[in-house]
């Protein structure tokens, strides 16, 4: 199991619970479920990261000379980002829930974006190299 594409930097994993049943549980059991969902996300993300690294190494060794690994050019990535944003915006307007989720995610991106550009980008460019 791995990420499905270059554009999917944070695969979404979820557990679904019946809200009434969840709310009826004692607090300690609700916290266990909360922790289990967080743990599955953390383990899953680590697993995706490792398996993608292994798959890349396999492409570079087993398929050396048969597969060329290249990064999309920056203009292509910019165009894909723009087109993706347009599609997401259109889809988000189809239901009230989708609109609410999109607004929340957009607000979150505006909050974490500056941090990611300073910290995460620096880490990946300079440390992870």
C-alpha atoms as a PDB file:
ATOM      1  CA  UNK A   1       0.000   0.000   0.000  1.00  0.00           C
ATOM      2  CA  UNK A   2       1.389   3.388  -0.918  1.00  0.00           C
ATOM      3  CA  UNK A   3       0.322   6.810  -1.909  1.00  0.00           C
ATOM      4  CA  UNK A   4      -1.479   6.853  -5.184  1.00  0.00           C
ATOM      5  CA  UNK A   5       0.223   9.834  -6.762  1.00  0.00           C
ATOM      6  CA  UNK A   6       2.604  12.755  -6.570  1.00  0.00           C
ATOM      7  CA  UNK A   7      -0.282  15.040  -5.631  1.00  0.00           C
ATOM      8  CA  UNK A   8      -1.384  12.998  -2.638  1.00  0.00           C
ATOM      9  CA  UNK A   9       1.025  14.080   0.049  1.00  0.00           C
ATOM     10  CA  UNK A  10      -1.258  13.112   2.896  1.00  0.00           C
ATOM     11  CA  UNK A  11      -3.398  10.105   2.295  1.00  0.00           C
ATOM     12  CA  UNK A  12      -6.623  10.324   4.248  1.00  0.00           C
ATOM     13  CA  UNK A  13      -7.477   7.402   6.466  1.00  0.00           C
ATOM     14  CA  UNK A  14     -10.550   7.321   8.590  1.00  0.00           C
ATOM     15  CA  UNK A  15     -12.589   5.346  11.028  1.00  0.00           C
ATOM     16  CA  UNK A  16     -16.327   5.841  11.033  1.00  0.00           C
ATOM     17  CA  UNK A  17     -18.340   5.557  14.202  1.00  0.00           C
ATOM     18  CA  UNK A  18     -22.004   5.881  14.946  1.00  0.00           C
ATOM     19  CA  UNK A  19     -21.992   9.177  16.830  1.00  0.00           C
ATOM     20  CA  UNK A  20     -24.720   8.169  19.269  1.00  0.00           C
ATOM     21  CA  UNK A  21     -22.954   4.899  20.066  1.00  0.00           C
ATOM     22  CA  UNK A  22     -19.599   6.671  20.386  1.00  0.00           C
ATOM     23  CA  UNK A  23     -21.029   9.379  22.662  1.00  0.00           C
ATOM     24  CA  UNK A  24     -22.696   6.693  24.815  1.00  0.00           C
ATOM     25  CA  UNK A  25     -19.344   5.031  25.559  1.00  0.00           C
ATOM     26  CA  UNK A  26     -17.515   5.785  28.792  1.00  0.00           C
ATOM     27  CA  UNK A  27     -14.846   8.464  28.405  1.00  0.00           C
ATOM     28  CA  UNK A  28     -11.983   5.954  28.750  1.00  0.00           C
ATOM     29  CA  UNK A  29     -13.281   3.869  25.823  1.00  0.00           C
ATOM     30  CA  UNK A  30     -13.816   6.974  23.671  1.00  0.00           C
ATOM     31  CA  UNK A  31     -10.224   8.007  24.372  1.00  0.00           C
ATOM     32  CA  UNK A  32      -9.028   4.514  23.385  1.00  0.00           C
ATOM     33  CA  UNK A  33     -10.851   4.814  20.070  1.00  0.00           C
ATOM     34  CA  UNK A  34      -9.438   8.318  19.584  1.00  0.00           C
ATOM     35  CA  UNK A  35      -5.930   7.014  20.223  1.00  0.00           C
ATOM     36  CA  UNK A  36      -6.440   3.988  17.960  1.00  0.00           C
ATOM     37  CA  UNK A  37      -7.492   6.193  15.042  1.00  0.00           C
ATOM     38  CA  UNK A  38      -4.493   8.492  15.576  1.00  0.00           C
ATOM     39  CA  UNK A  39      -2.151   5.496  15.827  1.00  0.00           C
ATOM     40  CA  UNK A  40      -3.476   3.942  12.609  1.00  0.00           C
ATOM     41  CA  UNK A  41      -2.907   7.248  10.821  1.00  0.00           C
ATOM     42  CA  UNK A  42       0.664   7.531  12.141  1.00  0.00           C
ATOM     43  CA  UNK A  43       1.508   3.917  11.344  1.00  0.00           C
ATOM     44  CA  UNK A  44      -0.137   4.137   7.936  1.00  0.00           C
ATOM     45  CA  UNK A  45       1.760   7.294   7.000  1.00  0.00           C
ATOM     46  CA  UNK A  46       5.050   5.705   8.053  1.00  0.00           C
ATOM     47  CA  UNK A  47       4.192   2.546   6.131  1.00  0.00           C
ATOM     48  CA  UNK A  48       3.367   4.551   2.967  1.00  0.00           C
ATOM     49  CA  UNK A  49       6.628   6.458   3.279  1.00  0.00           C
ATOM     50  CA  UNK A  50       8.727   3.328   3.686  1.00  0.00           C
ATOM     51  CA  UNK A  51       7.027   1.345   0.915  1.00  0.00           C
ATOM     52  CA  UNK A  52       7.327   4.240  -1.521  1.00  0.00           C
ATOM     53  CA  UNK A  53      11.044   4.526  -0.736  1.00  0.00           C
ATOM     54  CA  UNK A  54      11.473   0.784  -1.285  1.00  0.00           C
ATOM     55  CA  UNK A  55       9.518   0.942  -4.550  1.00  0.00           C
ATOM     56  CA  UNK A  56      11.657   3.839  -5.792  1.00  0.00           C
ATOM     57  CA  UNK A  57      14.844   1.942  -4.972  1.00  0.00           C
ATOM     58  CA  UNK A  58      13.477  -1.101  -6.796  1.00  0.00           C
ATOM     59  CA  UNK A  59      12.723   0.999  -9.876  1.00  0.00           C
ATOM     60  CA  UNK A  60      16.255   2.379  -9.769  1.00  0.00           C
ATOM     61  CA  UNK A  61      17.911  -1.037  -9.418  1.00  0.00           C
ATOM     62  CA  UNK A  62      15.753  -3.760 -10.962  1.00  0.00           C
ATOM     63  CA  UNK A  63      14.611  -1.579 -13.839  1.00  0.00           C
ATOM     64  CA  UNK A  64      17.822   0.392 -14.348  1.00  0.00           C
ATOM     65  CA  UNK A  65      18.053   1.403 -17.995  1.00  0.00           C
ATOM     66  CA  UNK A  66      14.388   0.543 -18.580  1.00  0.00           C
ATOM     67  CA  UNK A  67      12.725   3.218 -16.472  1.00  0.00           C
ATOM     68  CA  UNK A  68      13.655   6.877 -16.323  1.00  0.00           C
ATOM     69  CA  UNK A  69      12.618   8.623 -13.145  1.00  0.00           C
ATOM     70  CA  UNK A  70      12.023  12.311 -13.667  1.00  0.00           C
ATOM     71  CA  UNK A  71      10.270  15.039 -11.780  1.00  0.00           C
ATOM     72  CA  UNK A  72       7.456  16.931 -13.450  1.00  0.00           C
ATOM     73  CA  UNK A  73       8.674  20.358 -14.616  1.00  0.00           C
ATOM     74  CA  UNK A  74       7.664  23.249 -12.345  1.00  0.00           C
ATOM     75  CA  UNK A  75       5.252  24.766 -14.934  1.00  0.00           C
ATOM     76  CA  UNK A  76       3.412  21.434 -15.203  1.00  0.00           C
ATOM     77  CA  UNK A  77       3.153  21.178 -11.421  1.00  0.00           C
ATOM     78  CA  UNK A  78       1.845  24.752 -11.210  1.00  0.00           C
ATOM     79  CA  UNK A  79      -0.782  24.011 -13.875  1.00  0.00           C
ATOM     80  CA  UNK A  80      -1.814  20.777 -12.152  1.00  0.00           C
ATOM     81  CA  UNK A  81      -2.087  22.602  -8.833  1.00  0.00           C
ATOM     82  CA  UNK A  82      -4.290  25.267 -10.413  1.00  0.00           C
ATOM     83  CA  UNK A  83      -6.506  22.722 -12.178  1.00  0.00           C
ATOM     84  CA  UNK A  84      -6.786  20.601  -9.050  1.00  0.00           C
ATOM     85  CA  UNK A  85      -7.854  23.628  -7.015  1.00  0.00           C
ATOM     86  CA  UNK A  86     -10.527  24.441  -9.602  1.00  0.00           C
ATOM     87  CA  UNK A  87     -11.938  20.906  -9.546  1.00  0.00           C
ATOM     88  CA  UNK A  88     -11.884  20.768  -5.746  1.00  0.00           C
ATOM     89  CA  UNK A  89     -13.666  24.120  -5.541  1.00  0.00           C
ATOM     90  CA  UNK A  90     -16.348  22.955  -8.012  1.00  0.00           C
ATOM     91  CA  UNK A  91     -16.856  19.681  -6.141  1.00  0.00           C
ATOM     92  CA  UNK A  92     -16.993  21.470  -2.796  1.00  0.00           C
ATOM     93  CA  UNK A  93     -19.971  23.496  -3.934  1.00  0.00           C
ATOM     94  CA  UNK A  94     -22.132  20.420  -4.602  1.00  0.00           C
ATOM     95  CA  UNK A  95     -23.231  19.779  -1.014  1.00  0.00           C
ATOM     96  CA  UNK A  96     -23.388  21.716   2.221  1.00  0.00           C
ATOM     97  CA  UNK A  97     -21.080  19.211   3.948  1.00  0.00           C
ATOM     98  CA  UNK A  98     -18.511  19.411   1.133  1.00  0.00           C
ATOM     99  CA  UNK A  99     -18.629  23.202   1.309  1.00  0.00           C
ATOM    100  CA  UNK A 100     -18.096  23.104   5.090  1.00  0.00           C
ATOM    101  CA  UNK A 101     -15.188  20.663   4.805  1.00  0.00           C
ATOM    102  CA  UNK A 102     -13.563  22.702   2.019  1.00  0.00           C
ATOM    103  CA  UNK A 103     -13.851  25.919   4.035  1.00  0.00           C
ATOM    104  CA  UNK A 104     -12.318  24.245   7.086  1.00  0.00           C
ATOM    105  CA  UNK A 105      -9.477  22.726   5.049  1.00  0.00           C
ATOM    106  CA  UNK A 106      -8.780  26.021   3.281  1.00  0.00           C
ATOM    107  CA  UNK A 107      -8.594  27.801   6.638  1.00  0.00           C
ATOM    108  CA  UNK A 108      -6.239  25.098   7.922  1.00  0.00           C
ATOM    109  CA  UNK A 109      -4.003  25.397   4.835  1.00  0.00           C
ATOM    110  CA  UNK A 110      -3.787  29.165   5.338  1.00  0.00           C
ATOM    111  CA  UNK A 111      -2.689  28.572   8.933  1.00  0.00           C
ATOM    112  CA  UNK A 112      -0.068  25.855   8.330  1.00  0.00           C
ATOM    113  CA  UNK A 113       1.212  27.015   4.934  1.00  0.00           C
ATOM    114  CA  UNK A 114       3.622  29.633   6.279  1.00  0.00           C
ATOM    115  CA  UNK A 115       5.043  27.134   8.777  1.00  0.00           C
ATOM    116  CA  UNK A 116       5.433  24.450   6.125  1.00  0.00           C
ATOM    117  CA  UNK A 117       7.279  26.832   3.823  1.00  0.00           C
ATOM    118  CA  UNK A 118       9.725  27.765   6.584  1.00  0.00           C
ATOM    119  CA  UNK A 119      10.186  24.486   8.427  1.00  0.00           C
ATOM    120  CA  UNK A 120       9.126  21.523   6.322  1.00  0.00           C
ATOM    121  CA  UNK A 121      10.573  22.871   3.067  1.00  0.00           C
ATOM    122  CA  UNK A 122      13.889  23.618   4.776  1.00  0.00           C
ATOM    123  CA  UNK A 123      13.988  20.139   6.248  1.00  0.00           C
ATOM    124  CA  UNK A 124      13.296  18.400   2.965  1.00  0.00           C
ATOM    125  CA  UNK A 125      15.621  20.600   0.922  1.00  0.00           C
ATOM    126  CA  UNK A 126      18.567  20.780   3.283  1.00  0.00           C
ATOM    127  CA  UNK A 127      18.407  17.845   5.668  1.00  0.00           C
ATOM    128  CA  UNK A 128      16.684  15.072   3.721  1.00  0.00           C
ATOM    129  CA  UNK A 129      18.421  16.210   0.577  1.00  0.00           C
END
